[in-house]
């Protein structure tokens, strides 16, 4: 067998091959089971508070910076403030001195001796008085009343005086009085006859007949008559009569009233009367009243007789 030959030269390195395709992602494995919770450790004991360290000495003042250089056109340009230096360490607190003791109270001094009496001064010159007369003072308060004096002797009776002239005849107070007040209780009264006012409020003397609606004057005198009439649905033509003569006449379609002053002779009659059936709209209800009233203002004399009723 022949001898082993020399090792041959290394061959040329080939080009790297192209990158292979990425392999498929493997399936996700099942989650592992929860580990066992360990027991909590015991709380350690609190350590002792350490001693407070001593305050250090303040640091030395740093060197002063160099002066700035002013340009040719020197203007005051306000530079931004420099950064704030770190605060220096606090100095050592001095030891508080002890409080001094209170001194003893001093001894009071003796009172001084009284001084000598001074000499009497010389008498001054007499002054000149140029006094004007003063104004009158205010009037004093009224004094208290004096005691009443004793009664003097009674004088003699004087002679009777001359009778004075007779006075004028005074007004008389008549014994006769007369007044009435009444209202209707039914609407639309019959025409051509006196309107009755059967609901009487005042008629103490009985000079008013409520069923006929006629007032008879008891004496010669002056009388006042008033009527207030409510109207509804149609016209009201009404007149106040003295005996058989109309005194006032009114034709209205709304509520109205009249006051009349008449002189009557004893036995005169006063009443109200509507004209016809087309104008008898006199109305009576709870919320609307039609009233007739009258009274003697004064008689012609005080000694009159009553009129026959």
C-alpha atoms as a PDB file:
ATOM      1  CA  UNK A   1       0.000   0.000   0.000  1.00  0.00           C
ATOM      2  CA  UNK A   2       1.429   3.415  -0.988  1.00  0.00           C
ATOM      3  CA  UNK A   3       2.020   6.458   1.134  1.00  0.00           C
ATOM      4  CA  UNK A   4      -0.821   8.851   2.108  1.00  0.00           C
ATOM      5  CA  UNK A   5      -0.889  11.929  -0.029  1.00  0.00           C
ATOM      6  CA  UNK A   6      -1.015  15.566   1.119  1.00  0.00           C
ATOM      7  CA  UNK A   7      -4.390  17.132   2.092  1.00  0.00           C
ATOM      8  CA  UNK A   8      -5.954  18.960  -0.735  1.00  0.00           C
ATOM      9  CA  UNK A   9      -6.881  22.675  -0.752  1.00  0.00           C
ATOM     10  CA  UNK A  10     -10.294  23.797   0.680  1.00  0.00           C
ATOM     11  CA  UNK A  11     -12.895  24.156  -1.940  1.00  0.00           C
ATOM     12  CA  UNK A  12     -14.642  27.448  -2.855  1.00  0.00           C
ATOM     13  CA  UNK A  13     -17.460  28.407  -0.444  1.00  0.00           C
ATOM     14  CA  UNK A  14     -20.771  28.157  -2.154  1.00  0.00           C
ATOM     15  CA  UNK A  15     -23.495  30.882  -2.118  1.00  0.00           C
ATOM     16  CA  UNK A  16     -25.911  30.781   0.804  1.00  0.00           C
ATOM     17  CA  UNK A  17     -29.087  29.056   0.012  1.00  0.00           C
ATOM     18  CA  UNK A  18     -32.460  30.846  -0.107  1.00  0.00           C
ATOM     19  CA  UNK A  19     -34.422  31.262   3.164  1.00  0.00           C
ATOM     20  CA  UNK A  20     -36.779  28.502   3.783  1.00  0.00           C
ATOM     21  CA  UNK A  21     -40.496  28.951   4.376  1.00  0.00           C
ATOM     22  CA  UNK A  22     -41.697  29.706   7.872  1.00  0.00           C
ATOM     23  CA  UNK A  23     -42.982  26.684   9.588  1.00  0.00           C
ATOM     24  CA  UNK A  24     -46.585  26.449  10.735  1.00  0.00           C
ATOM     25  CA  UNK A  25     -47.389  27.749  14.256  1.00  0.00           C
ATOM     26  CA  UNK A  26     -47.866  24.981  16.663  1.00  0.00           C
ATOM     27  CA  UNK A  27     -51.056  24.542  18.640  1.00  0.00           C
ATOM     28  CA  UNK A  28     -51.325  26.322  21.988  1.00  0.00           C
ATOM     29  CA  UNK A  29     -50.869  23.951  24.840  1.00  0.00           C
ATOM     30  CA  UNK A  30     -53.419  23.669  27.649  1.00  0.00           C
ATOM     31  CA  UNK A  31     -52.979  26.112  30.584  1.00  0.00           C
ATOM     32  CA  UNK A  32     -51.155  24.802  33.538  1.00  0.00           C
ATOM     33  CA  UNK A  33     -52.870  24.373  36.868  1.00  0.00           C
ATOM     34  CA  UNK A  34     -52.741  27.098  39.544  1.00  0.00           C
ATOM     35  CA  UNK A  35     -49.920  26.751  41.942  1.00  0.00           C
ATOM     36  CA  UNK A  36     -50.499  26.399  45.648  1.00  0.00           C
ATOM     37  CA  UNK A  37     -50.624  29.767  47.484  1.00  0.00           C
ATOM     38  CA  UNK A  38     -47.913  30.022  49.973  1.00  0.00           C
ATOM     39  CA  UNK A  39     -48.510  30.964  53.579  1.00  0.00           C
ATOM     40  CA  UNK A  40     -48.145  34.653  54.525  1.00  0.00           C
ATOM     41  CA  UNK A  41     -45.016  35.483  56.373  1.00  0.00           C
ATOM     42  CA  UNK A  42     -45.042  36.846  59.915  1.00  0.00           C
ATOM     43  CA  UNK A  43     -44.828  40.648  60.317  1.00  0.00           C
ATOM     44  CA  UNK A  44     -41.427  41.500  61.564  1.00  0.00           C
ATOM     45  CA  UNK A  45     -40.873  43.496  64.722  1.00  0.00           C
ATOM     46  CA  UNK A  46     -40.601  47.281  64.434  1.00  0.00           C
ATOM     47  CA  UNK A  47     -37.064  48.441  64.652  1.00  0.00           C
ATOM     48  CA  UNK A  48     -35.881  51.030  67.150  1.00  0.00           C
ATOM     49  CA  UNK A  49     -35.804  54.664  66.110  1.00  0.00           C
ATOM     50  CA  UNK A  50     -32.346  55.703  65.174  1.00  0.00           C
ATOM     51  CA  UNK A  51     -30.512  58.643  66.711  1.00  0.00           C
ATOM     52  CA  UNK A  52     -30.798  61.993  64.958  1.00  0.00           C
ATOM     53  CA  UNK A  53     -27.589  62.867  63.262  1.00  0.00           C
ATOM     54  CA  UNK A  54     -25.699  66.052  64.029  1.00  0.00           C
ATOM     55  CA  UNK A  55     -26.232  69.085  61.793  1.00  0.00           C
ATOM     56  CA  UNK A  56     -23.367  69.719  59.482  1.00  0.00           C
ATOM     57  CA  UNK A  57     -21.483  72.996  59.272  1.00  0.00           C
ATOM     58  CA  UNK A  58     -22.578  75.482  56.561  1.00  0.00           C
ATOM     59  CA  UNK A  59     -20.606  75.228  53.358  1.00  0.00           C
ATOM     60  CA  UNK A  60     -18.077  77.864  52.287  1.00  0.00           C
ATOM     61  CA  UNK A  61     -19.130  80.743  50.030  1.00  0.00           C
ATOM     62  CA  UNK A  62     -18.315  79.989  46.413  1.00  0.00           C
ATOM     63  CA  UNK A  63     -15.977  82.192  44.341  1.00  0.00           C
ATOM     64  CA  UNK A  64     -17.369  85.323  42.708  1.00  0.00           C
ATOM     65  CA  UNK A  65     -18.054  85.111  39.015  1.00  0.00           C
ATOM     66  CA  UNK A  66     -16.225  87.186  36.395  1.00  0.00           C
ATOM     67  CA  UNK A  67     -17.601  90.585  35.328  1.00  0.00           C
ATOM     68  CA  UNK A  68     -19.518  90.585  32.077  1.00  0.00           C
ATOM     69  CA  UNK A  69     -18.240  92.393  28.959  1.00  0.00           C
ATOM     70  CA  UNK A  70     -20.398  95.223  27.571  1.00  0.00           C
ATOM     71  CA  UNK A  71     -20.666  95.339  23.728  1.00  0.00           C
ATOM     72  CA  UNK A  72     -19.970  98.481  21.667  1.00  0.00           C
ATOM     73  CA  UNK A  73     -23.629  99.484  21.572  1.00  0.00           C
ATOM     74  CA  UNK A  74     -24.249  98.979  25.251  1.00  0.00           C
ATOM     75  CA  UNK A  75     -27.890  98.486  26.097  1.00  0.00           C
ATOM     76  CA  UNK A  76     -29.476  97.258  29.208  1.00  0.00           C
ATOM     77  CA  UNK A  77     -30.638  93.824  28.271  1.00  0.00           C
ATOM     78  CA  UNK A  78     -32.402  91.974  30.991  1.00  0.00           C
ATOM     79  CA  UNK A  79     -30.983  88.512  31.112  1.00  0.00           C
ATOM     80  CA  UNK A  80     -33.077  85.642  32.356  1.00  0.00           C
ATOM     81  CA  UNK A  81     -32.643  84.904  36.044  1.00  0.00           C
ATOM     82  CA  UNK A  82     -30.103  82.287  36.919  1.00  0.00           C
ATOM     83  CA  UNK A  83     -30.973  78.952  38.374  1.00  0.00           C
ATOM     84  CA  UNK A  84     -31.691  78.949  42.057  1.00  0.00           C
ATOM     85  CA  UNK A  85     -28.852  77.574  44.049  1.00  0.00           C
ATOM     86  CA  UNK A  86     -29.341  74.665  46.386  1.00  0.00           C
ATOM     87  CA  UNK A  87     -30.382  75.678  49.890  1.00  0.00           C
ATOM     88  CA  UNK A  88     -27.645  75.761  52.443  1.00  0.00           C
ATOM     89  CA  UNK A  89     -27.702  73.442  55.370  1.00  0.00           C
ATOM     90  CA  UNK A  90     -29.214  74.727  58.621  1.00  0.00           C
ATOM     91  CA  UNK A  91     -26.864  76.068  61.259  1.00  0.00           C
ATOM     92  CA  UNK A  92     -26.466  74.598  64.676  1.00  0.00           C
ATOM     93  CA  UNK A  93     -29.111  75.798  67.172  1.00  0.00           C
ATOM     94  CA  UNK A  94     -27.688  77.725  70.077  1.00  0.00           C
ATOM     95  CA  UNK A  95     -28.082  76.630  73.640  1.00  0.00           C
ATOM     96  CA  UNK A  96     -30.950  78.410  75.471  1.00  0.00           C
ATOM     97  CA  UNK A  97     -29.732  80.466  78.415  1.00  0.00           C
ATOM     98  CA  UNK A  98     -31.157  80.048  81.881  1.00  0.00           C
ATOM     99  CA  UNK A  99     -33.579  82.659  83.292  1.00  0.00           C
ATOM    100  CA  UNK A 100     -32.173  85.062  85.887  1.00  0.00           C
ATOM    101  CA  UNK A 101     -33.515  85.253  89.434  1.00  0.00           C
ATOM    102  CA  UNK A 102     -35.781  88.120  90.560  1.00  0.00           C
ATOM    103  CA  UNK A 103     -34.056  90.874  92.556  1.00  0.00           C
ATOM    104  CA  UNK A 104     -35.094  91.932  96.056  1.00  0.00           C
ATOM    105  CA  UNK A 105     -37.501  94.875  96.544  1.00  0.00           C
ATOM    106  CA  UNK A 106     -35.797  98.162  97.351  1.00  0.00           C
ATOM    107  CA  UNK A 107     -36.353 100.077 100.583  1.00  0.00           C
ATOM    108  CA  UNK A 108     -38.834 103.039 100.361  1.00  0.00           C
ATOM    109  CA  UNK A 109     -37.301 106.487 100.894  1.00  0.00           C
ATOM    110  CA  UNK A 110     -38.357 108.913 103.673  1.00  0.00           C
ATOM    111  CA  UNK A 111     -40.790 111.800 102.962  1.00  0.00           C
ATOM    112  CA  UNK A 112     -39.094 115.172 102.415  1.00  0.00           C
ATOM    113  CA  UNK A 113     -39.368 118.071 104.921  1.00  0.00           C
ATOM    114  CA  UNK A 114     -42.088 120.748 104.097  1.00  0.00           C
ATOM    115  CA  UNK A 115     -40.774 123.903 102.401  1.00  0.00           C
ATOM    116  CA  UNK A 116     -40.878 127.419 103.906  1.00  0.00           C
ATOM    117  CA  UNK A 117     -43.983 129.663 103.389  1.00  0.00           C
ATOM    118  CA  UNK A 118     -43.551 132.254 100.637  1.00  0.00           C
ATOM    119  CA  UNK A 119     -43.809 136.023 101.166  1.00  0.00           C
ATOM    120  CA  UNK A 120     -47.118 137.893 100.581  1.00  0.00           C
ATOM    121  CA  UNK A 121     -47.359 139.632  97.187  1.00  0.00           C
ATOM    122  CA  UNK A 122     -47.997 143.364  96.676  1.00  0.00           C
ATOM    123  CA  UNK A 123     -51.578 144.638  96.145  1.00  0.00           C
ATOM    124  CA  UNK A 124     -52.363 145.327  92.464  1.00  0.00           C
ATOM    125  CA  UNK A 125     -53.859 148.513  91.039  1.00  0.00           C
ATOM    126  CA  UNK A 126     -57.639 149.000  91.176  1.00  0.00           C
ATOM    127  CA  UNK A 127     -59.242 148.259  87.821  1.00  0.00           C
ATOM    128  CA  UNK A 128     -61.540 150.650  85.990  1.00  0.00           C
ATOM    129  CA  UNK A 129     -65.154 149.433  85.398  1.00  0.00           C
ATOM    130  CA  UNK A 130     -67.050 150.411  82.261  1.00  0.00           C
ATOM    131  CA  UNK A 131     -70.114 148.248  82.829  1.00  0.00           C
ATOM    132  CA  UNK A 132     -73.222 148.684  80.681  1.00  0.00           C
ATOM    133  CA  UNK A 133     -76.679 148.051  82.116  1.00  0.00           C
ATOM    134  CA  UNK A 134     -77.575 144.450  81.633  1.00  0.00           C
ATOM    135  CA  UNK A 135     -80.690 143.234  79.815  1.00  0.00           C
ATOM    136  CA  UNK A 136     -83.811 142.439  81.805  1.00  0.00           C
ATOM    137  CA  UNK A 137     -83.902 138.888  83.129  1.00  0.00           C
ATOM    138  CA  UNK A 138     -86.526 136.317  82.147  1.00  0.00           C
ATOM    139  CA  UNK A 139     -89.845 136.333  83.929  1.00  0.00           C
ATOM    140  CA  UNK A 140     -89.823 134.100  86.953  1.00  0.00           C
ATOM    141  CA  UNK A 141     -92.116 131.124  87.381  1.00  0.00           C
ATOM    142  CA  UNK A 142     -95.643 131.705  88.658  1.00  0.00           C
ATOM    143  CA  UNK A 143     -95.830 131.584  92.417  1.00  0.00           C
ATOM    144  CA  UNK A 144     -98.087 129.234  94.356  1.00  0.00           C
ATOM    145  CA  UNK A 145    -101.699 130.301  94.896  1.00  0.00           C
ATOM    146  CA  UNK A 146    -102.331 132.065  98.181  1.00  0.00           C
ATOM    147  CA  UNK A 147    -104.752 130.830 100.790  1.00  0.00           C
ATOM    148  CA  UNK A 148    -108.403 131.663 100.250  1.00  0.00           C
ATOM    149  CA  UNK A 149    -109.557 134.660 102.310  1.00  0.00           C
ATOM    150  CA  UNK A 150    -112.460 134.606 104.681  1.00  0.00           C
ATOM    151  CA  UNK A 151    -115.944 135.295 103.261  1.00  0.00           C
ATOM    152  CA  UNK A 152    -117.112 138.917 103.523  1.00  0.00           C
ATOM    153  CA  UNK A 153    -120.453 139.955 105.030  1.00  0.00           C
ATOM    154  CA  UNK A 154    -123.585 139.315 102.930  1.00  0.00           C
ATOM    155  CA  UNK A 155    -124.828 142.369 101.038  1.00  0.00           C
ATOM    156  CA  UNK A 156    -128.373 143.675 101.055  1.00  0.00           C
ATOM    157  CA  UNK A 157    -130.876 142.395  98.448  1.00  0.00           C
ATOM    158  CA  UNK A 158    -131.032 144.523  95.298  1.00  0.00           C
ATOM    159  CA  UNK A 159    -134.160 145.902  93.690  1.00  0.00           C
ATOM    160  CA  UNK A 160    -135.817 143.744  90.931  1.00  0.00           C
ATOM    161  CA  UNK A 161    -134.675 144.455  87.394  1.00  0.00           C
ATOM    162  CA  UNK A 162    -136.758 145.606  84.449  1.00  0.00           C
ATOM    163  CA  UNK A 163    -138.487 142.705  82.605  1.00  0.00           C
ATOM    164  CA  UNK A 164    -136.852 141.903  79.224  1.00  0.00           C
ATOM    165  CA  UNK A 165    -138.686 141.744  75.889  1.00  0.00           C
ATOM    166  CA  UNK A 166    -140.587 138.566  75.002  1.00  0.00           C
ATOM    167  CA  UNK A 167    -138.632 136.004  72.972  1.00  0.00           C
ATOM    168  CA  UNK A 168    -139.633 134.629  69.581  1.00  0.00           C
ATOM    169  CA  UNK A 169    -141.913 131.583  69.416  1.00  0.00           C
ATOM    170  CA  UNK A 170    -139.814 128.436  69.461  1.00  0.00           C
ATOM    171  CA  UNK A 171    -140.333 125.408  67.195  1.00  0.00           C
ATOM    172  CA  UNK A 172    -143.045 123.022  68.260  1.00  0.00           C
ATOM    173  CA  UNK A 173    -142.635 119.298  68.785  1.00  0.00           C
ATOM    174  CA  UNK A 174    -145.522 117.670  66.954  1.00  0.00           C
ATOM    175  CA  UNK A 175    -147.120 114.667  68.550  1.00  0.00           C
ATOM    176  CA  UNK A 176    -147.989 113.146  65.156  1.00  0.00           C
ATOM    177  CA  UNK A 177    -145.436 110.950  63.346  1.00  0.00           C
ATOM    178  CA  UNK A 178    -145.846 108.961  60.164  1.00  0.00           C
ATOM    179  CA  UNK A 179    -143.517 106.672  58.140  1.00  0.00           C
ATOM    180  CA  UNK A 180    -143.732 103.482  56.052  1.00  0.00           C
ATOM    181  CA  UNK A 181    -141.471 101.195  53.973  1.00  0.00           C
ATOM    182  CA  UNK A 182    -142.618  98.148  51.945  1.00  0.00           C
ATOM    183  CA  UNK A 183    -141.785  96.144  48.798  1.00  0.00           C
ATOM    184  CA  UNK A 184    -143.601  93.940  46.298  1.00  0.00           C
ATOM    185  CA  UNK A 185    -143.517  90.145  46.277  1.00  0.00           C
ATOM    186  CA  UNK A 186    -144.908  89.547  42.758  1.00  0.00           C
ATOM    187  CA  UNK A 187    -143.754  90.722  39.321  1.00  0.00           C
ATOM    188  CA  UNK A 188    -145.832  92.392  36.560  1.00  0.00           C
ATOM    189  CA  UNK A 189    -148.676  94.067  38.519  1.00  0.00           C
ATOM    190  CA  UNK A 190    -152.124  94.678  37.022  1.00  0.00           C
ATOM    191  CA  UNK A 191    -152.526  98.022  35.145  1.00  0.00           C
ATOM    192  CA  UNK A 192    -154.939 100.905  35.843  1.00  0.00           C
ATOM    193  CA  UNK A 193    -154.980 100.339  39.620  1.00  0.00           C
ATOM    194  CA  UNK A 194    -152.583 101.160  42.507  1.00  0.00           C
ATOM    195  CA  UNK A 195    -149.630  98.752  42.809  1.00  0.00           C
ATOM    196  CA  UNK A 196    -149.843  96.755  46.096  1.00  0.00           C
ATOM    197  CA  UNK A 197    -146.764  96.447  48.294  1.00  0.00           C
ATOM    198  CA  UNK A 198    -147.786  93.608  50.637  1.00  0.00           C
ATOM    199  CA  UNK A 199    -144.369  92.935  52.205  1.00  0.00           C
ATOM    200  CA  UNK A 200    -144.204  95.629  54.932  1.00  0.00           C
ATOM    201  CA  UNK A 201    -140.973  96.526  56.736  1.00  0.00           C
ATOM    202  CA  UNK A 202    -142.081  99.714  58.606  1.00  0.00           C
ATOM    203  CA  UNK A 203    -145.647 100.948  59.191  1.00  0.00           C
ATOM    204  CA  UNK A 204    -146.007 101.570  62.915  1.00  0.00           C
ATOM    205  CA  UNK A 205    -148.660 104.288  62.598  1.00  0.00           C
ATOM    206  CA  UNK A 206    -150.725 102.251  60.068  1.00  0.00           C
ATOM    207  CA  UNK A 207    -151.115 105.141  57.572  1.00  0.00           C
ATOM    208  CA  UNK A 208    -150.113 102.852  54.656  1.00  0.00           C
ATOM    209  CA  UNK A 209    -152.414 100.099  53.338  1.00  0.00           C
ATOM    210  CA  UNK A 210    -150.107  97.319  51.971  1.00  0.00           C
ATOM    211  CA  UNK A 211    -152.859  95.399  50.114  1.00  0.00           C
ATOM    212  CA  UNK A 212    -154.041  98.430  48.114  1.00  0.00           C
ATOM    213  CA  UNK A 213    -150.653 100.161  48.044  1.00  0.00           C
ATOM    214  CA  UNK A 214    -152.211 103.519  49.115  1.00  0.00           C
ATOM    215  CA  UNK A 215    -150.753 105.928  51.707  1.00  0.00           C
ATOM    216  CA  UNK A 216    -153.176 108.385  53.365  1.00  0.00           C
ATOM    217  CA  UNK A 217    -151.762 111.656  54.777  1.00  0.00           C
ATOM    218  CA  UNK A 218    -152.736 111.954  58.495  1.00  0.00           C
ATOM    219  CA  UNK A 219    -152.212 115.757  58.735  1.00  0.00           C
ATOM    220  CA  UNK A 220    -151.579 118.832  56.642  1.00  0.00           C
ATOM    221  CA  UNK A 221    -147.828 118.996  56.075  1.00  0.00           C
ATOM    222  CA  UNK A 222    -144.798 118.251  53.925  1.00  0.00           C
ATOM    223  CA  UNK A 223    -144.014 114.631  53.057  1.00  0.00           C
ATOM    224  CA  UNK A 224    -141.122 112.784  51.344  1.00  0.00           C
ATOM    225  CA  UNK A 225    -141.802 109.760  49.099  1.00  0.00           C
ATOM    226  CA  UNK A 226    -139.196 107.443  47.504  1.00  0.00           C
ATOM    227  CA  UNK A 227    -139.563 104.468  45.166  1.00  0.00           C
ATOM    228  CA  UNK A 228    -136.895 102.149  43.719  1.00  0.00           C
ATOM    229  CA  UNK A 229    -138.142  99.742  41.028  1.00  0.00           C
ATOM    230  CA  UNK A 230    -136.429  96.770  39.336  1.00  0.00           C
ATOM    231  CA  UNK A 231    -137.303  96.196  35.653  1.00  0.00           C
ATOM    232  CA  UNK A 232    -137.098  92.918  33.675  1.00  0.00           C
ATOM    233  CA  UNK A 233    -138.156  91.462  30.253  1.00  0.00           C
ATOM    234  CA  UNK A 234    -140.114  94.502  29.046  1.00  0.00           C
ATOM    235  CA  UNK A 235    -140.696  98.240  29.555  1.00  0.00           C
ATOM    236  CA  UNK A 236    -142.019  99.742  32.758  1.00  0.00           C
ATOM    237  CA  UNK A 237    -144.200 102.865  32.485  1.00  0.00           C
ATOM    238  CA  UNK A 238    -145.119 103.953  36.010  1.00  0.00           C
ATOM    239  CA  UNK A 239    -146.321 107.160  37.712  1.00  0.00           C
ATOM    240  CA  UNK A 240    -146.590 108.474  41.286  1.00  0.00           C
ATOM    241  CA  UNK A 241    -150.124 109.780  41.929  1.00  0.00           C
ATOM    242  CA  UNK A 242    -151.358 112.380  44.438  1.00  0.00           C
ATOM    243  CA  UNK A 243    -155.076 111.587  44.716  1.00  0.00           C
ATOM    244  CA  UNK A 244    -155.962 111.057  41.012  1.00  0.00           C
ATOM    245  CA  UNK A 245    -153.267 113.274  39.465  1.00  0.00           C
ATOM    246  CA  UNK A 246    -149.851 111.944  38.319  1.00  0.00           C
ATOM    247  CA  UNK A 247    -146.935 113.853  39.879  1.00  0.00           C
ATOM    248  CA  UNK A 248    -143.933 112.125  38.239  1.00  0.00           C
ATOM    249  CA  UNK A 249    -143.959 109.645  35.334  1.00  0.00           C
ATOM    250  CA  UNK A 250    -141.080 107.353  34.216  1.00  0.00           C
ATOM    251  CA  UNK A 251    -140.748 104.910  31.315  1.00  0.00           C
ATOM    252  CA  UNK A 252    -137.610 102.773  31.634  1.00  0.00           C
ATOM    253  CA  UNK A 253    -136.194  99.411  30.618  1.00  0.00           C
ATOM    254  CA  UNK A 254    -133.729  99.200  33.509  1.00  0.00           C
ATOM    255  CA  UNK A 255    -133.795  99.623  37.292  1.00  0.00           C
ATOM    256  CA  UNK A 256    -134.369 103.209  38.478  1.00  0.00           C
ATOM    257  CA  UNK A 257    -135.609 105.285  41.428  1.00  0.00           C
ATOM    258  CA  UNK A 258    -137.119 108.653  42.396  1.00  0.00           C
ATOM    259  CA  UNK A 259    -137.449 110.839  45.498  1.00  0.00           C
ATOM    260  CA  UNK A 260    -140.371 113.306  45.639  1.00  0.00           C
ATOM    261  CA  UNK A 261    -141.273 116.006  48.216  1.00  0.00           C
ATOM    262  CA  UNK A 262    -145.018 116.823  48.350  1.00  0.00           C
ATOM    263  CA  UNK A 263    -147.278 119.038  50.423  1.00  0.00           C
ATOM    264  CA  UNK A 264    -150.397 117.099  51.338  1.00  0.00           C
ATOM    265  CA  UNK A 265    -153.673 117.898  53.062  1.00  0.00           C
ATOM    266  CA  UNK A 266    -155.026 115.516  55.666  1.00  0.00           C
ATOM    267  CA  UNK A 267    -156.827 112.681  53.818  1.00  0.00           C
ATOM    268  CA  UNK A 268    -154.821 112.973  50.541  1.00  0.00           C
ATOM    269  CA  UNK A 269    -153.755 109.630  49.007  1.00  0.00           C
ATOM    270  CA  UNK A 270    -150.396 108.782  47.384  1.00  0.00           C
ATOM    271  CA  UNK A 271    -149.721 105.586  45.353  1.00  0.00           C
ATOM    272  CA  UNK A 272    -147.951 104.095  42.291  1.00  0.00           C
ATOM    273  CA  UNK A 273    -149.705 102.817  39.144  1.00  0.00           C
ATOM    274  CA  UNK A 274    -148.495 101.232  35.879  1.00  0.00           C
ATOM    275  CA  UNK A 275    -149.897 102.364  32.530  1.00  0.00           C
ATOM    276  CA  UNK A 276    -150.922  99.114  30.735  1.00  0.00           C
ATOM    277  CA  UNK A 277    -150.151  95.398  30.334  1.00  0.00           C
ATOM    278  CA  UNK A 278    -147.437  96.080  27.729  1.00  0.00           C
ATOM    279  CA  UNK A 279    -145.392  98.269  30.088  1.00  0.00           C
ATOM    280  CA  UNK A 280    -145.790  96.638  33.508  1.00  0.00           C
ATOM    281  CA  UNK A 281    -142.264  95.161  33.697  1.00  0.00           C
ATOM    282  CA  UNK A 282    -141.929  95.726  37.441  1.00  0.00           C
ATOM    283  CA  UNK A 283    -139.819  92.827  38.787  1.00  0.00           C
ATOM    284  CA  UNK A 284    -139.596  91.103  42.185  1.00  0.00           C
ATOM    285  CA  UNK A 285    -137.082  88.377  43.157  1.00  0.00           C
ATOM    286  CA  UNK A 286    -134.695  87.411  45.970  1.00  0.00           C
ATOM    287  CA  UNK A 287    -131.826  89.283  44.334  1.00  0.00           C
ATOM    288  CA  UNK A 288    -133.897  92.286  43.098  1.00  0.00           C
ATOM    289  CA  UNK A 289    -136.280  94.364  45.228  1.00  0.00           C
ATOM    290  CA  UNK A 290    -138.867  96.975  44.215  1.00  0.00           C
ATOM    291  CA  UNK A 291    -139.615  99.257  47.179  1.00  0.00           C
ATOM    292  CA  UNK A 292    -141.940 102.165  48.102  1.00  0.00           C
ATOM    293  CA  UNK A 293    -141.463 104.388  51.197  1.00  0.00           C
ATOM    294  CA  UNK A 294    -142.513 107.736  52.658  1.00  0.00           C
ATOM    295  CA  UNK A 295    -142.525 109.817  55.856  1.00  0.00           C
ATOM    296  CA  UNK A 296    -143.795 113.087  57.339  1.00  0.00           C
ATOM    297  CA  UNK A 297    -141.077 115.735  57.144  1.00  0.00           C
ATOM    298  CA  UNK A 298    -142.975 118.318  59.250  1.00  0.00           C
ATOM    299  CA  UNK A 299    -146.668 119.241  59.856  1.00  0.00           C
ATOM    300  CA  UNK A 300    -148.152 122.654  59.177  1.00  0.00           C
ATOM    301  CA  UNK A 301    -149.103 123.087  62.872  1.00  0.00           C
ATOM    302  CA  UNK A 302    -148.680 121.322  66.196  1.00  0.00           C
ATOM    303  CA  UNK A 303    -152.345 121.111  67.205  1.00  0.00           C
ATOM    304  CA  UNK A 304    -153.767 119.332  64.145  1.00  0.00           C
ATOM    305  CA  UNK A 305    -156.215 116.467  64.413  1.00  0.00           C
ATOM    306  CA  UNK A 306    -155.807 113.017  62.878  1.00  0.00           C
ATOM    307  CA  UNK A 307    -157.366 112.482  59.478  1.00  0.00           C
ATOM    308  CA  UNK A 308    -160.051 109.795  59.250  1.00  0.00           C
ATOM    309  CA  UNK A 309    -158.750 106.524  57.808  1.00  0.00           C
END
